[in-house]
Amino acid sequence: MKLDLVVFGSDGGILRRLLTEMGPVRPLKTIVRAFVIDAECGQIASILVNEVNACAPGNPNSCLDGLALSSRLKDPRFYK
């Protein structure tokens, strides 16, 4: 699975857009993936899963619909 992520700053502007490898993702398994965002943590207001660019097996649109996003932190907001 490859995700197109958009990172927004506290001013609402785009800080960074990146394509990141997230898979393989097993059903009902919590995963942690690390990726670099050239910004201080306090500058990040939200992260949008803009699109699923690759998903195997299956159609990227159904993979996006099936994603359940969560975070243990209140901020930043993580959504699709």
PDB file of N, CA and C in Angstrom:
ATOM      1  N   MET A   1       0.855  -1.176   0.000  1.00  0.00           N
ATOM      2  CA  MET A   1       0.000   0.000   0.000  1.00  0.00           C
ATOM      3  C   MET A   1       0.894   1.231   0.000  1.00  0.00           C
ATOM      4  N   LYS A   2       0.596   2.139  -0.903  1.00  0.00           N
ATOM      5  CA  LYS A   2       1.285   3.432  -0.956  1.00  0.00           C
ATOM      6  C   LYS A   2       0.255   4.529  -0.765  1.00  0.00           C
ATOM      7  N   LEU A   3       0.561   5.444   0.155  1.00  0.00           N
ATOM      8  CA  LEU A   3      -0.359   6.542   0.453  1.00  0.00           C
ATOM      9  C   LEU A   3       0.230   7.873   0.026  1.00  0.00           C
ATOM     10  N   ASP A   4      -0.625   8.724  -0.522  1.00  0.00           N
ATOM     11  CA  ASP A   4      -0.308  10.118  -0.826  1.00  0.00           C
ATOM     12  C   ASP A   4      -0.767  10.916   0.392  1.00  0.00           C
ATOM     13  N   LEU A   5       0.190  11.440   1.160  1.00  0.00           N
ATOM     14  CA  LEU A   5      -0.117  12.186   2.379  1.00  0.00           C
ATOM     15  C   LEU A   5       0.151  13.670   2.183  1.00  0.00           C
ATOM     16  N   VAL A   6      -0.705  14.500   2.760  1.00  0.00           N
ATOM     17  CA  VAL A   6      -0.518  15.949   2.742  1.00  0.00           C
ATOM     18  C   VAL A   6      -0.484  16.418   4.195  1.00  0.00           C
ATOM     19  N   VAL A   7       0.588  17.123   4.545  1.00  0.00           N
ATOM     20  CA  VAL A   7       0.783  17.620   5.906  1.00  0.00           C
ATOM     21  C   VAL A   7       0.477  19.114   5.907  1.00  0.00           C
ATOM     22  N   PHE A   8      -0.460  19.521   6.773  1.00  0.00           N
ATOM     23  CA  PHE A   8      -0.864  20.916   6.869  1.00  0.00           C
ATOM     24  C   PHE A   8      -0.283  21.552   8.127  1.00  0.00           C
ATOM     25  N   GLY A   9       0.124  22.799   8.009  1.00  0.00           N
ATOM     26  CA  GLY A   9       0.644  23.548   9.144  1.00  0.00           C
ATOM     27  C   GLY A   9      -0.462  24.198   9.936  1.00  0.00           C
ATOM     28  N   SER A  10      -0.109  24.778  11.061  1.00  0.00           N
ATOM     29  CA  SER A  10      -1.085  25.427  11.927  1.00  0.00           C
ATOM     30  C   SER A  10      -1.736  26.639  11.270  1.00  0.00           C
ATOM     31  N   ASP A  11      -1.104  27.185  10.215  1.00  0.00           N
ATOM     32  CA  ASP A  11      -1.701  28.306   9.479  1.00  0.00           C
ATOM     33  C   ASP A  11      -2.634  27.835   8.368  1.00  0.00           C
ATOM     34  N   GLY A  12      -2.797  26.505   8.197  1.00  0.00           N
ATOM     35  CA  GLY A  12      -3.676  25.951   7.171  1.00  0.00           C
ATOM     36  C   GLY A  12      -2.987  25.684   5.854  1.00  0.00           C
ATOM     37  N   GLY A  13      -1.751  26.146   5.698  1.00  0.00           N
ATOM     38  CA  GLY A  13      -1.010  25.928   4.464  1.00  0.00           C
ATOM     39  C   GLY A  13      -0.366  24.542   4.437  1.00  0.00           C
ATOM     40  N   ILE A  14      -0.031  24.096   3.227  1.00  0.00           N
ATOM     41  CA  ILE A  14       0.612  22.798   3.048  1.00  0.00           C
ATOM     42  C   ILE A  14       2.081  22.918   3.418  1.00  0.00           C
ATOM     43  N   LEU A  15       2.513  22.082   4.371  1.00  0.00           N
ATOM     44  CA  LEU A  15       3.921  22.022   4.747  1.00  0.00           C
ATOM     45  C   LEU A  15       4.687  21.049   3.861  1.00  0.00           C
ATOM     46  N   ARG A  16       4.030  19.937   3.527  1.00  0.00           N
ATOM     47  CA  ARG A  16       4.713  18.891   2.786  1.00  0.00           C
ATOM     48  C   ARG A  16       3.700  17.936   2.197  1.00  0.00           C
ATOM     49  N   ARG A  17       4.036  17.401   1.042  1.00  0.00           N
ATOM     50  CA  ARG A  17       3.246  16.333   0.423  1.00  0.00           C
ATOM     51  C   ARG A  17       4.214  15.203   0.138  1.00  0.00           C
ATOM     52  N   LEU A  18       3.829  13.982   0.497  1.00  0.00           N
ATOM     53  CA  LEU A  18       4.733  12.875   0.277  1.00  0.00           C
ATOM     54  C   LEU A  18       3.992  11.597  -0.068  1.00  0.00           C
ATOM     55  N   LEU A  19       4.677  10.735  -0.795  1.00  0.00           N
ATOM     56  CA  LEU A  19       4.179   9.412  -1.139  1.00  0.00           C
ATOM     57  C   LEU A  19       4.972   8.442  -0.274  1.00  0.00           C
ATOM     58  N   THR A  20       4.279   7.632   0.521  1.00  0.00           N
ATOM     59  CA  THR A  20       4.969   6.754   1.452  1.00  0.00           C
ATOM     60  C   THR A  20       4.459   5.321   1.357  1.00  0.00           C
ATOM     61  N   GLU A  21       5.380   4.397   1.452  1.00  0.00           N
ATOM     62  CA  GLU A  21       5.067   2.963   1.447  1.00  0.00           C
ATOM     63  C   GLU A  21       4.551   2.584   2.823  1.00  0.00           C
ATOM     64  N   MET A  22       3.365   2.026   2.905  1.00  0.00           N
ATOM     65  CA  MET A  22       2.770   1.681   4.193  1.00  0.00           C
ATOM     66  C   MET A  22       2.573   0.183   4.368  1.00  0.00           C
ATOM     67  N   GLY A  23       2.573  -0.548   3.283  1.00  0.00           N
ATOM     68  CA  GLY A  23       2.248  -1.972   3.362  1.00  0.00           C
ATOM     69  C   GLY A  23       3.469  -2.830   3.562  1.00  0.00           C
ATOM     70  N   PRO A  24       3.285  -4.098   3.787  1.00  0.00           N
ATOM     71  CA  PRO A  24       1.972  -4.739   3.830  1.00  0.00           C
ATOM     72  C   PRO A  24       1.216  -4.416   5.124  1.00  0.00           C
ATOM     73  N   VAL A  25      -0.087  -4.375   5.008  1.00  0.00           N
ATOM     74  CA  VAL A  25      -0.954  -4.101   6.147  1.00  0.00           C
ATOM     75  C   VAL A  25      -1.826  -5.334   6.362  1.00  0.00           C
ATOM     76  N   ARG A  26      -1.720  -5.923   7.545  1.00  0.00           N
ATOM     77  CA  ARG A  26      -2.531  -7.101   7.858  1.00  0.00           C
ATOM     78  C   ARG A  26      -3.850  -6.665   8.491  1.00  0.00           C
ATOM     79  N   PRO A  27      -4.923  -7.368   8.211  1.00  0.00           N
ATOM     80  CA  PRO A  27      -6.213  -7.026   8.825  1.00  0.00           C
ATOM     81  C   PRO A  27      -6.141  -7.053  10.349  1.00  0.00           C
ATOM     82  N   LEU A  28      -6.793  -6.102  10.977  1.00  0.00           N
ATOM     83  CA  LEU A  28      -6.919  -6.010  12.432  1.00  0.00           C
ATOM     84  C   LEU A  28      -5.576  -5.928  13.160  1.00  0.00           C
ATOM     85  N   LYS A  29      -4.558  -5.388  12.490  1.00  0.00           N
ATOM     86  CA  LYS A  29      -3.233  -5.245  13.086  1.00  0.00           C
ATOM     87  C   LYS A  29      -2.889  -3.771  13.157  1.00  0.00           C
ATOM     88  N   THR A  30      -2.495  -3.294  14.328  1.00  0.00           N
ATOM     89  CA  THR A  30      -2.017  -1.925  14.480  1.00  0.00           C
ATOM     90  C   THR A  30      -0.587  -1.867  13.968  1.00  0.00           C
ATOM     91  N   ILE A  31      -0.283  -0.861  13.146  1.00  0.00           N
ATOM     92  CA  ILE A  31       1.063  -0.703  12.618  1.00  0.00           C
ATOM     93  C   ILE A  31       1.566   0.712  12.868  1.00  0.00           C
ATOM     94  N   VAL A  32       2.870   0.848  12.905  1.00  0.00           N
ATOM     95  CA  VAL A  32       3.515   2.152  12.998  1.00  0.00           C
ATOM     96  C   VAL A  32       4.494   2.236  11.848  1.00  0.00           C
ATOM     97  N   ARG A  33       4.430   3.319  11.085  1.00  0.00           N
ATOM     98  CA  ARG A  33       5.373   3.552   9.999  1.00  0.00           C
ATOM     99  C   ARG A  33       6.038   4.891  10.253  1.00  0.00           C
ATOM    100  N   ALA A  34       7.323   4.976   9.972  1.00  0.00           N
ATOM    101  CA  ALA A  34       8.071   6.215  10.165  1.00  0.00           C
ATOM    102  C   ALA A  34       8.372   6.853   8.822  1.00  0.00           C
ATOM    103  N   PHE A  35       8.234   8.171   8.756  1.00  0.00           N
ATOM    104  CA  PHE A  35       8.615   8.925   7.565  1.00  0.00           C
ATOM    105  C   PHE A  35       9.025  10.320   8.007  1.00  0.00           C
ATOM    106  N   VAL A  36       9.875  10.936   7.210  1.00  0.00           N
ATOM    107  CA  VAL A  36      10.455  12.230   7.568  1.00  0.00           C
ATOM    108  C   VAL A  36       9.597  13.367   7.022  1.00  0.00           C
ATOM    109  N   ILE A  37       9.275  14.308   7.899  1.00  0.00           N
ATOM    110  CA  ILE A  37       8.606  15.549   7.508  1.00  0.00           C
ATOM    111  C   ILE A  37       9.505  16.669   8.002  1.00  0.00           C
ATOM    112  N   ASP A  38      10.002  17.478   7.100  1.00  0.00           N
ATOM    113  CA  ASP A  38      10.935  18.545   7.467  1.00  0.00           C
ATOM    114  C   ASP A  38      10.204  19.721   8.101  1.00  0.00           C
ATOM    115  N   ALA A  39       9.743  19.503   9.330  1.00  0.00           N
ATOM    116  CA  ALA A  39       9.055  20.550  10.087  1.00  0.00           C
ATOM    117  C   ALA A  39       9.100  20.161  11.558  1.00  0.00           C
ATOM    118  N   GLU A  40       8.991  21.157  12.427  1.00  0.00           N
ATOM    119  CA  GLU A  40       8.908  20.879  13.857  1.00  0.00           C
ATOM    120  C   GLU A  40       7.521  20.328  14.172  1.00  0.00           C
ATOM    121  N   CYS A  41       7.457  19.441  15.140  1.00  0.00           N
ATOM    122  CA  CYS A  41       6.184  18.810  15.490  1.00  0.00           C
ATOM    123  C   CYS A  41       5.085  19.831  15.779  1.00  0.00           C
ATOM    124  N   GLY A  42       5.433  20.918  16.459  1.00  0.00           N
ATOM    125  CA  GLY A  42       4.457  21.941  16.809  1.00  0.00           C
ATOM    126  C   GLY A  42       3.878  22.678  15.616  1.00  0.00           C
ATOM    127  N   GLN A  43       4.534  22.592  14.470  1.00  0.00           N
ATOM    128  CA  GLN A  43       4.043  23.244  13.257  1.00  0.00           C
ATOM    129  C   GLN A  43       2.980  22.414  12.540  1.00  0.00           C
ATOM    130  N   ILE A  44       2.898  21.123  12.847  1.00  0.00           N
ATOM    131  CA  ILE A  44       1.993  20.216  12.140  1.00  0.00           C
ATOM    132  C   ILE A  44       0.620  20.243  12.795  1.00  0.00           C
ATOM    133  N   ALA A  45      -0.390  20.658  12.029  1.00  0.00           N
ATOM    134  CA  ALA A  45      -1.757  20.716  12.541  1.00  0.00           C
ATOM    135  C   ALA A  45      -2.565  19.485  12.140  1.00  0.00           C
ATOM    136  N   SER A  46      -2.336  18.976  10.914  1.00  0.00           N
ATOM    137  CA  SER A  46      -3.103  17.827  10.453  1.00  0.00           C
ATOM    138  C   SER A  46      -2.376  17.105   9.328  1.00  0.00           C
ATOM    139  N   ILE A  47      -2.742  15.829   9.168  1.00  0.00           N
ATOM    140  CA  ILE A  47      -2.210  15.001   8.089  1.00  0.00           C
ATOM    141  C   ILE A  47      -3.388  14.369   7.382  1.00  0.00           C
ATOM    142  N   LEU A  48      -3.473  14.595   6.086  1.00  0.00           N
ATOM    143  CA  LEU A  48      -4.549  14.075   5.249  1.00  0.00           C
ATOM    144  C   LEU A  48      -4.049  12.897   4.433  1.00  0.00           C
ATOM    145  N   VAL A  49      -4.776  11.773   4.477  1.00  0.00           N
ATOM    146  CA  VAL A  49      -4.536  10.698   3.519  1.00  0.00           C
ATOM    147  C   VAL A  49      -5.290  11.130   2.268  1.00  0.00           C
ATOM    148  N   ASN A  50      -4.548  11.751   1.360  1.00  0.00           N
ATOM    149  CA  ASN A  50      -5.142  12.342   0.171  1.00  0.00           C
ATOM    150  C   ASN A  50      -5.640  11.286  -0.807  1.00  0.00           C
ATOM    151  N   GLU A  51      -4.869  10.208  -0.935  1.00  0.00           N
ATOM    152  CA  GLU A  51      -5.200   9.172  -1.911  1.00  0.00           C
ATOM    153  C   GLU A  51      -4.424   7.916  -1.589  1.00  0.00           C
ATOM    154  N   VAL A  52      -4.965   6.777  -1.993  1.00  0.00           N
ATOM    155  CA  VAL A  52      -4.220   5.518  -1.988  1.00  0.00           C
ATOM    156  C   VAL A  52      -3.716   5.340  -3.405  1.00  0.00           C
ATOM    157  N   ASN A  53      -2.397   5.365  -3.587  1.00  0.00           N
ATOM    158  CA  ASN A  53      -1.823   5.271  -4.924  1.00  0.00           C
ATOM    159  C   ASN A  53      -1.589   3.838  -5.372  1.00  0.00           C
ATOM    160  N   ALA A  54      -1.427   2.935  -4.443  1.00  0.00           N
ATOM    161  CA  ALA A  54      -1.251   1.522  -4.771  1.00  0.00           C
ATOM    162  C   ALA A  54      -1.815   0.689  -3.641  1.00  0.00           C
ATOM    163  N   CYS A  55      -2.467  -0.399  -4.023  1.00  0.00           N
ATOM    164  CA  CYS A  55      -3.085  -1.276  -3.044  1.00  0.00           C
ATOM    165  C   CYS A  55      -3.170  -2.670  -3.644  1.00  0.00           C
ATOM    166  N   ALA A  56      -2.549  -3.641  -2.977  1.00  0.00           N
ATOM    167  CA  ALA A  56      -2.597  -4.998  -3.501  1.00  0.00           C
ATOM    168  C   ALA A  56      -2.960  -5.956  -2.376  1.00  0.00           C
ATOM    169  N   PRO A  57      -3.839  -6.892  -2.569  1.00  0.00           N
ATOM    170  CA  PRO A  57      -4.666  -6.993  -3.768  1.00  0.00           C
ATOM    171  C   PRO A  57      -5.833  -6.035  -3.645  1.00  0.00           C
ATOM    172  N   GLY A  58      -6.299  -5.617  -4.763  1.00  0.00           N
ATOM    173  CA  GLY A  58      -7.493  -4.791  -4.736  1.00  0.00           C
ATOM    174  C   GLY A  58      -7.350  -3.443  -5.393  1.00  0.00           C
ATOM    175  N   ASN A  59      -8.437  -2.764  -5.380  1.00  0.00           N
ATOM    176  CA  ASN A  59      -8.590  -1.469  -6.010  1.00  0.00           C
ATOM    177  C   ASN A  59      -8.242  -0.380  -4.990  1.00  0.00           C
ATOM    178  N   PRO A  60      -7.404   0.598  -5.368  1.00  0.00           N
ATOM    179  CA  PRO A  60      -7.029   1.661  -4.424  1.00  0.00           C
ATOM    180  C   PRO A  60      -8.212   2.390  -3.791  1.00  0.00           C
ATOM    181  N   ASN A  61      -9.313   2.571  -4.545  1.00  0.00           N
ATOM    182  CA  ASN A  61     -10.474   3.258  -3.967  1.00  0.00           C
ATOM    183  C   ASN A  61     -11.096   2.450  -2.836  1.00  0.00           C
ATOM    184  N   SER A  62     -11.189   1.133  -3.001  1.00  0.00           N
ATOM    185  CA  SER A  62     -11.757   0.319  -1.925  1.00  0.00           C
ATOM    186  C   SER A  62     -10.804   0.261  -0.742  1.00  0.00           C
ATOM    187  N   CYS A  63      -9.504   0.343  -0.996  1.00  0.00           N
ATOM    188  CA  CYS A  63      -8.533   0.373   0.109  1.00  0.00           C
ATOM    189  C   CYS A  63      -8.682   1.657   0.918  1.00  0.00           C
ATOM    190  N   LEU A  64      -8.887   2.788   0.253  1.00  0.00           N
ATOM    191  CA  LEU A  64      -9.090   4.054   0.965  1.00  0.00           C
ATOM    192  C   LEU A  64     -10.355   3.978   1.802  1.00  0.00           C
ATOM    193  N   ASP A  65     -11.423   3.444   1.233  1.00  0.00           N
ATOM    194  CA  ASP A  65     -12.681   3.323   1.975  1.00  0.00           C
ATOM    195  C   ASP A  65     -12.530   2.416   3.191  1.00  0.00           C
ATOM    196  N   GLY A  66     -11.688   1.402   3.091  1.00  0.00           N
ATOM    197  CA  GLY A  66     -11.514   0.451   4.175  1.00  0.00           C
ATOM    198  C   GLY A  66     -10.526   0.875   5.246  1.00  0.00           C
ATOM    199  N   LEU A  67      -9.808   1.975   5.015  1.00  0.00           N
ATOM    200  CA  LEU A  67      -8.834   2.439   6.009  1.00  0.00           C
ATOM    201  C   LEU A  67      -9.542   2.966   7.249  1.00  0.00           C
ATOM    202  N   ALA A  68      -9.100   2.512   8.393  1.00  0.00           N
ATOM    203  CA  ALA A  68      -9.580   3.052   9.665  1.00  0.00           C
ATOM    204  C   ALA A  68      -8.387   3.765  10.300  1.00  0.00           C
ATOM    205  N   LEU A  69      -8.445   5.075  10.357  1.00  0.00           N
ATOM    206  CA  LEU A  69      -7.342   5.877  10.872  1.00  0.00           C
ATOM    207  C   LEU A  69      -7.564   6.208  12.332  1.00  0.00           C
ATOM    208  N   SER A  70      -6.478   6.176  13.089  1.00  0.00           N
ATOM    209  CA  SER A  70      -6.579   6.562  14.486  1.00  0.00           C
ATOM    210  C   SER A  70      -5.222   7.050  14.966  1.00  0.00           C
ATOM    211  N   SER A  71      -5.242   7.754  16.062  1.00  0.00           N
ATOM    212  CA  SER A  71      -4.029   8.237  16.689  1.00  0.00           C
ATOM    213  C   SER A  71      -4.258   8.278  18.188  1.00  0.00           C
ATOM    214  N   ARG A  72      -3.202   8.075  18.925  1.00  0.00           N
ATOM    215  CA  ARG A  72      -3.297   8.178  20.380  1.00  0.00           C
ATOM    216  C   ARG A  72      -3.184   9.624  20.830  1.00  0.00           C
ATOM    217  N   LEU A  73      -2.843  10.509  19.890  1.00  0.00           N
ATOM    218  CA  LEU A  73      -2.699  11.934  20.183  1.00  0.00           C
ATOM    219  C   LEU A  73      -3.918  12.696  19.699  1.00  0.00           C
ATOM    220  N   LYS A  74      -4.282  13.737  20.410  1.00  0.00           N
ATOM    221  CA  LYS A  74      -5.379  14.601  19.971  1.00  0.00           C
ATOM    222  C   LYS A  74      -4.940  15.439  18.770  1.00  0.00           C
ATOM    223  N   ASP A  75      -3.733  15.956  18.831  1.00  0.00           N
ATOM    224  CA  ASP A  75      -3.170  16.747  17.743  1.00  0.00           C
ATOM    225  C   ASP A  75      -1.872  16.117  17.311  1.00  0.00           C
ATOM    226  N   PRO A  76      -1.558  16.065  16.070  1.00  0.00           N
ATOM    227  CA  PRO A  76      -2.297  16.610  14.943  1.00  0.00           C
ATOM    228  C   PRO A  76      -3.465  15.711  14.534  1.00  0.00           C
ATOM    229  N   ARG A  77      -4.389  16.315  13.850  1.00  0.00           N
ATOM    230  CA  ARG A  77      -5.556  15.597  13.320  1.00  0.00           C
ATOM    231  C   ARG A  77      -5.075  14.721  12.171  1.00  0.00           C
ATOM    232  N   PHE A  78      -5.580  13.489  12.099  1.00  0.00           N
ATOM    233  CA  PHE A  78      -5.218  12.529  11.063  1.00  0.00           C
ATOM    234  C   PHE A  78      -6.514  12.074  10.420  1.00  0.00           C
ATOM    235  N   TYR A  79      -6.699  12.366   9.131  1.00  0.00           N
ATOM    236  CA  TYR A  79      -7.982  12.090   8.492  1.00  0.00           C
ATOM    237  C   TYR A  79      -7.819  11.740   7.024  1.00  0.00           C
ATOM    238  N   LYS A  80      -8.939  11.256   6.440  1.00  0.00           N
ATOM    239  CA  LYS A  80      -8.958  10.919   5.013  1.00  0.00           C
ATOM    240  C   LYS A  80     -10.094  11.623   4.323  1.00  0.00           C
TER     241      LYS A  80
END
